[in-house]
Amino acid sequence: MEFFEYKNVVIESPNSSEAEAYRKLELNISLAGLDRRMQVIQCTSATPEDGKTTTSINLAAVYAEKGKKVIILDFDLRRPKIHRAFHQPNDRGFYDYVVDNVDYHDLIIHDESKIDIILSGKRISFPHIALESHRTAQLIEDLRKEYDFIVIDTPPVLSVTDAVIISKIVDGVVYVAAYNKTRKDDSREGLKILHANNANVIGGVLANIDVRKTKQYGYRGYYYYGTDEKKSK
């Protein structure tokens, strides 16, 4: 069992350099949407524990900070983590919507952070089939009408096909790699798979940077890189 603490620095340390880095990420995403609005944003990575969930919750926090109505969907159905980040029981969620036809409004958790969330709920036997279903696409379309921004946390690209499936119904994908952890070959391969499936990768985040070792580069915990960079750093 994992006991990793997902820190929302935008809320907990709003004046920190790490929080400012997420604000820059949000700005870069908005610039990427000059021709196409980036309303539904997917966060994924090549391999587990690369920082995609932390990126998801902090990006959502920036939107909430700006007074935007934002919701996070936990579509990492095999290894859900959003409930841990928000200290919520994962007893109801996407499972109930897909399998039991529960109205999604009844599954939305209104967190005190002003971030709404829909958790994964009970485990689904065939997650990829559920994510490919019409009900999933309909959920996204319905939420578009109610929220300014929708952030979706999905599994790593190299682990399962789920991230590629979701990439087809979002506006943009943020690709996360962990500094000094994610293997370059894995990062490149994951990015290659996304591009091969016509995913709109709008940029990426280099996470978990040791600021003490990288001050000379000006990094501050997280570093955004644009879509013109085909290789993960």
Protein backbone atom coordinates (compact mmCIF):
# COMPACT_ATOMS: atom_id res chain seq x y z
CA MET A 1 0.00 0.00 0.00
CA GLU A 2 1.20 3.51 -0.87
CA PHE A 3 1.35 6.21 1.78
CA PHE A 4 2.71 8.99 -0.38
CA GLU A 5 1.46 12.42 0.64
CA TYR A 6 0.19 14.44 -2.30
CA LYS A 7 1.01 18.04 -1.51
CA ASN A 8 -1.06 20.86 -2.95
CA VAL A 9 1.53 23.62 -2.74
CA VAL A 10 -0.75 26.17 -4.43
CA ILE A 11 -3.04 25.96 -1.40
CA GLU A 12 -0.61 25.03 1.36
CA SER A 13 2.33 27.23 0.30
CA PRO A 14 0.83 29.85 -2.05
CA ASN A 15 3.90 32.09 -1.94
CA SER A 16 6.39 29.34 -2.68
CA SER A 17 8.40 29.04 -5.87
CA GLU A 18 6.75 25.66 -6.47
CA ALA A 19 3.28 27.22 -6.39
CA GLU A 20 4.43 29.91 -8.78
CA ALA A 21 5.68 27.21 -11.16
CA TYR A 22 2.15 25.78 -11.35
CA ARG A 23 0.78 29.22 -12.10
CA LYS A 24 3.23 29.41 -14.98
CA LEU A 25 2.01 26.01 -16.12
CA GLU A 26 -1.56 27.32 -16.18
CA LEU A 27 -0.42 30.36 -18.17
CA ASN A 28 1.36 28.17 -20.71
CA ILE A 29 -1.75 26.03 -21.10
CA SER A 30 -3.85 29.13 -21.74
CA LEU A 31 -1.37 30.27 -24.38
CA ALA A 32 -1.59 26.83 -26.01
CA GLY A 33 -5.33 27.38 -26.28
CA LEU A 34 -5.31 30.60 -28.28
CA ASP A 35 -6.79 28.78 -31.28
CA ARG A 36 -8.57 26.02 -29.37
CA ARG A 37 -9.85 26.42 -25.84
CA MET A 38 -8.10 24.17 -23.34
CA GLN A 39 -11.10 23.35 -21.16
CA VAL A 40 -10.58 19.62 -20.62
CA ILE A 41 -6.99 18.84 -19.66
CA GLN A 42 -5.53 15.38 -19.15
CA CYS A 43 -2.49 14.73 -16.99
CA THR A 44 -0.50 11.58 -17.65
CA SER A 45 3.04 10.24 -17.62
CA ALA A 46 5.11 7.39 -19.02
CA THR A 47 5.47 5.39 -15.81
CA PRO A 48 4.00 5.33 -12.27
CA GLU A 49 5.00 7.86 -9.61
CA ASP A 50 6.21 10.44 -12.13
CA GLY A 51 4.14 13.24 -10.59
CA LYS A 52 0.99 13.31 -12.71
CA THR A 53 -1.43 13.27 -9.76
CA THR A 54 0.42 16.05 -7.96
CA THR A 55 0.35 18.04 -11.19
CA SER A 56 -3.39 17.42 -11.54
CA ILE A 57 -4.33 18.67 -8.09
CA ASN A 58 -2.06 21.71 -8.22
CA LEU A 59 -3.21 22.74 -11.68
CA ALA A 60 -6.81 22.51 -10.48
CA ALA A 61 -5.87 24.60 -7.45
CA VAL A 62 -4.56 27.36 -9.71
CA TYR A 63 -7.88 27.46 -11.56
CA ALA A 64 -9.78 27.56 -8.27
CA GLU A 65 -7.47 30.32 -7.03
CA LYS A 66 -8.46 32.39 -10.06
CA GLY A 67 -12.12 31.94 -9.25
CA LYS A 68 -12.77 29.39 -11.98
CA LYS A 69 -15.18 26.51 -11.51
CA VAL A 70 -13.00 23.40 -11.77
CA ILE A 71 -13.45 19.67 -11.28
CA ILE A 72 -10.96 16.78 -11.16
CA LEU A 73 -11.93 13.36 -12.52
CA ASP A 74 -9.98 10.37 -11.25
CA PHE A 75 -9.79 8.15 -14.32
CA ASP A 76 -6.81 6.22 -13.00
CA LEU A 77 -9.24 3.41 -12.34
CA ARG A 78 -6.62 0.76 -11.62
CA ARG A 79 -4.57 2.74 -9.09
CA PRO A 80 -6.71 5.73 -8.03
CA LYS A 81 -5.03 8.40 -5.95
CA ILE A 82 -7.17 11.55 -6.01
CA HIS A 83 -9.11 10.40 -2.94
CA ARG A 84 -5.83 10.26 -1.00
CA ALA A 85 -4.85 13.73 -2.14
CA PHE A 86 -8.14 15.11 -0.82
CA HIS A 87 -8.42 12.74 2.18
CA GLN A 88 -11.75 11.31 1.03
CA PRO A 89 -13.13 7.77 1.18
CA ASN A 90 -13.22 6.22 -2.28
CA ASP A 91 -16.53 4.41 -1.80
CA ARG A 92 -18.53 6.14 -4.55
CA GLY A 93 -17.60 7.62 -7.89
CA PHE A 94 -17.17 6.83 -11.57
CA TYR A 95 -18.06 3.16 -11.02
CA ASP A 96 -21.52 4.14 -9.77
CA TYR A 97 -22.05 6.42 -12.77
CA VAL A 98 -21.02 3.83 -15.39
CA VAL A 99 -22.29 0.61 -13.82
CA ASP A 100 -25.28 1.69 -11.73
CA ASN A 101 -26.39 4.73 -13.78
CA VAL A 102 -26.17 7.06 -10.79
CA ASP A 103 -26.60 10.73 -11.70
CA TYR A 104 -23.10 12.23 -11.74
CA HIS A 105 -24.32 15.24 -9.76
CA ASP A 106 -24.82 12.89 -6.81
CA LEU A 107 -21.18 11.77 -7.07
CA ILE A 108 -19.52 15.19 -7.10
CA ILE A 109 -17.63 16.03 -3.91
CA HIS A 110 -17.43 19.75 -3.21
CA ASP A 111 -14.11 20.06 -1.41
CA GLU A 112 -13.37 22.99 0.90
CA SER A 113 -10.53 23.93 -1.48
CA LYS A 114 -13.26 24.98 -3.96
CA ILE A 115 -12.16 22.12 -6.19
CA ASP A 116 -14.89 19.64 -7.09
CA ILE A 117 -13.93 16.01 -7.60
CA ILE A 118 -15.41 12.79 -8.94
CA LEU A 119 -13.51 9.81 -7.56
CA SER A 120 -13.08 6.43 -9.21
CA GLY A 121 -15.24 4.53 -6.73
CA LYS A 122 -15.18 0.75 -6.65
CA ARG A 123 -12.86 -1.07 -9.02
CA ILE A 124 -14.17 -1.77 -12.51
CA SER A 125 -13.31 -5.14 -14.05
CA PHE A 126 -12.50 -3.77 -17.51
CA PRO A 127 -11.51 -0.10 -17.12
CA HIS A 128 -10.58 0.40 -20.77
CA ILE A 129 -14.07 -0.66 -21.89
CA ALA A 130 -15.69 1.71 -19.39
CA LEU A 131 -13.50 4.60 -20.54
CA GLU A 132 -14.33 3.92 -24.19
CA SER A 133 -18.05 3.90 -23.49
CA HIS A 134 -20.53 6.49 -24.67
CA ARG A 135 -21.38 7.29 -21.04
CA THR A 136 -17.82 8.43 -20.39
CA ALA A 137 -17.84 10.73 -23.41
CA GLN A 138 -21.27 12.00 -22.36
CA LEU A 139 -20.01 12.74 -18.86
CA ILE A 140 -17.27 14.95 -20.29
CA GLU A 141 -19.70 16.76 -22.55
CA ASP A 142 -22.14 17.37 -19.70
CA LEU A 143 -19.39 18.68 -17.42
CA ARG A 144 -18.20 21.05 -20.16
CA LYS A 145 -21.52 22.87 -19.77
CA GLU A 146 -21.11 23.27 -16.01
CA TYR A 147 -17.39 23.84 -15.42
CA ASP A 148 -14.79 26.28 -16.66
CA PHE A 149 -12.09 23.61 -16.48
CA ILE A 150 -11.98 19.83 -16.16
CA VAL A 151 -8.72 18.17 -15.10
CA ILE A 152 -8.46 14.41 -15.66
CA ASP A 153 -5.89 12.24 -13.90
CA THR A 154 -5.18 9.13 -16.01
CA PRO A 155 -2.85 6.12 -15.75
CA PRO A 156 0.69 6.09 -17.16
CA VAL A 157 0.88 5.61 -20.92
CA LEU A 158 3.24 2.63 -20.84
CA SER A 159 1.20 0.73 -18.25
CA VAL A 160 -2.20 0.44 -19.97
CA THR A 161 -4.17 1.87 -22.90
CA ASP A 162 -6.45 4.00 -20.71
CA ALA A 163 -4.51 7.25 -21.14
CA VAL A 164 -4.58 6.96 -24.94
CA ILE A 165 -8.33 6.30 -24.88
CA ILE A 166 -9.01 9.43 -22.83
CA SER A 167 -6.65 11.54 -24.95
CA LYS A 168 -9.18 11.30 -27.79
CA ILE A 169 -11.89 13.19 -25.87
CA VAL A 170 -9.85 15.91 -24.13
CA ASP A 171 -8.63 19.24 -25.45
CA GLY A 172 -5.02 18.84 -24.42
CA VAL A 173 -2.60 16.50 -22.68
CA VAL A 174 0.02 17.55 -20.12
CA TYR A 175 2.82 15.00 -20.05
CA VAL A 176 4.72 14.63 -16.77
CA ALA A 177 8.23 13.24 -16.25
CA ALA A 178 10.08 13.00 -12.94
CA TYR A 179 13.55 14.51 -12.73
CA ASN A 180 16.27 11.92 -12.14
CA LYS A 181 13.67 9.13 -12.02
CA THR A 182 11.78 8.70 -15.28
CA ARG A 183 13.95 6.82 -17.74
CA LYS A 184 14.54 8.84 -20.89
CA ASP A 185 13.69 5.88 -23.10
CA ASP A 186 10.40 5.40 -21.26
CA SER A 187 9.55 9.08 -21.52
CA ARG A 188 10.27 9.14 -25.23
CA GLU A 189 8.30 5.95 -25.83
CA GLY A 190 5.26 7.24 -23.95
CA LEU A 191 5.34 10.49 -25.89
CA LYS A 192 5.73 8.56 -29.14
CA ILE A 193 2.61 6.52 -28.34
CA LEU A 194 0.58 9.65 -27.62
CA HIS A 195 1.68 11.31 -30.86
CA ALA A 196 1.01 8.13 -32.84
CA ASN A 197 -2.58 8.23 -31.57
CA ASN A 198 -2.97 11.91 -32.50
CA ALA A 199 -3.13 13.09 -28.90
CA ASN A 200 -2.86 16.86 -28.56
CA VAL A 201 0.16 17.01 -26.27
CA ILE A 202 0.33 20.69 -25.36
CA GLY A 203 3.45 20.40 -23.24
CA GLY A 204 4.92 18.74 -20.22
CA VAL A 205 6.11 19.10 -16.69
CA LEU A 206 9.50 18.02 -15.38
CA ALA A 207 8.64 17.20 -11.78
CA ASN A 208 10.48 16.49 -8.53
CA ILE A 209 13.47 18.64 -9.30
CA ASP A 210 15.94 18.98 -6.43
CA VAL A 211 16.16 22.76 -6.23
CA ARG A 212 19.42 22.64 -4.26
CA LYS A 213 21.15 20.77 -7.07
CA THR A 214 19.67 22.74 -9.95
CA LYS A 215 19.74 26.38 -8.84
CA GLN A 216 22.18 27.17 -11.60
CA TYR A 217 19.45 26.29 -14.13
CA GLY A 218 16.80 28.41 -12.46
CA TYR A 219 14.42 25.49 -11.88
CA ARG A 220 11.94 25.76 -9.04
CA GLY A 221 10.58 22.30 -8.29
CA TYR A 222 8.62 21.96 -11.52
CA TYR A 223 9.55 22.98 -15.04
CA TYR A 224 7.25 23.33 -18.02
CA TYR A 225 8.43 22.46 -21.49
CA GLY A 226 6.50 23.09 -24.69
CA THR A 227 5.28 20.84 -27.46
CA ASP A 228 8.15 21.74 -29.75
CA GLU A 229 10.47 19.64 -27.59
CA LYS A 230 10.14 16.08 -28.82
CA LYS A 231 12.45 14.59 -26.24
CA SER A 232 11.85 14.41 -22.53
CA LYS A 233 14.52 16.16 -20.52
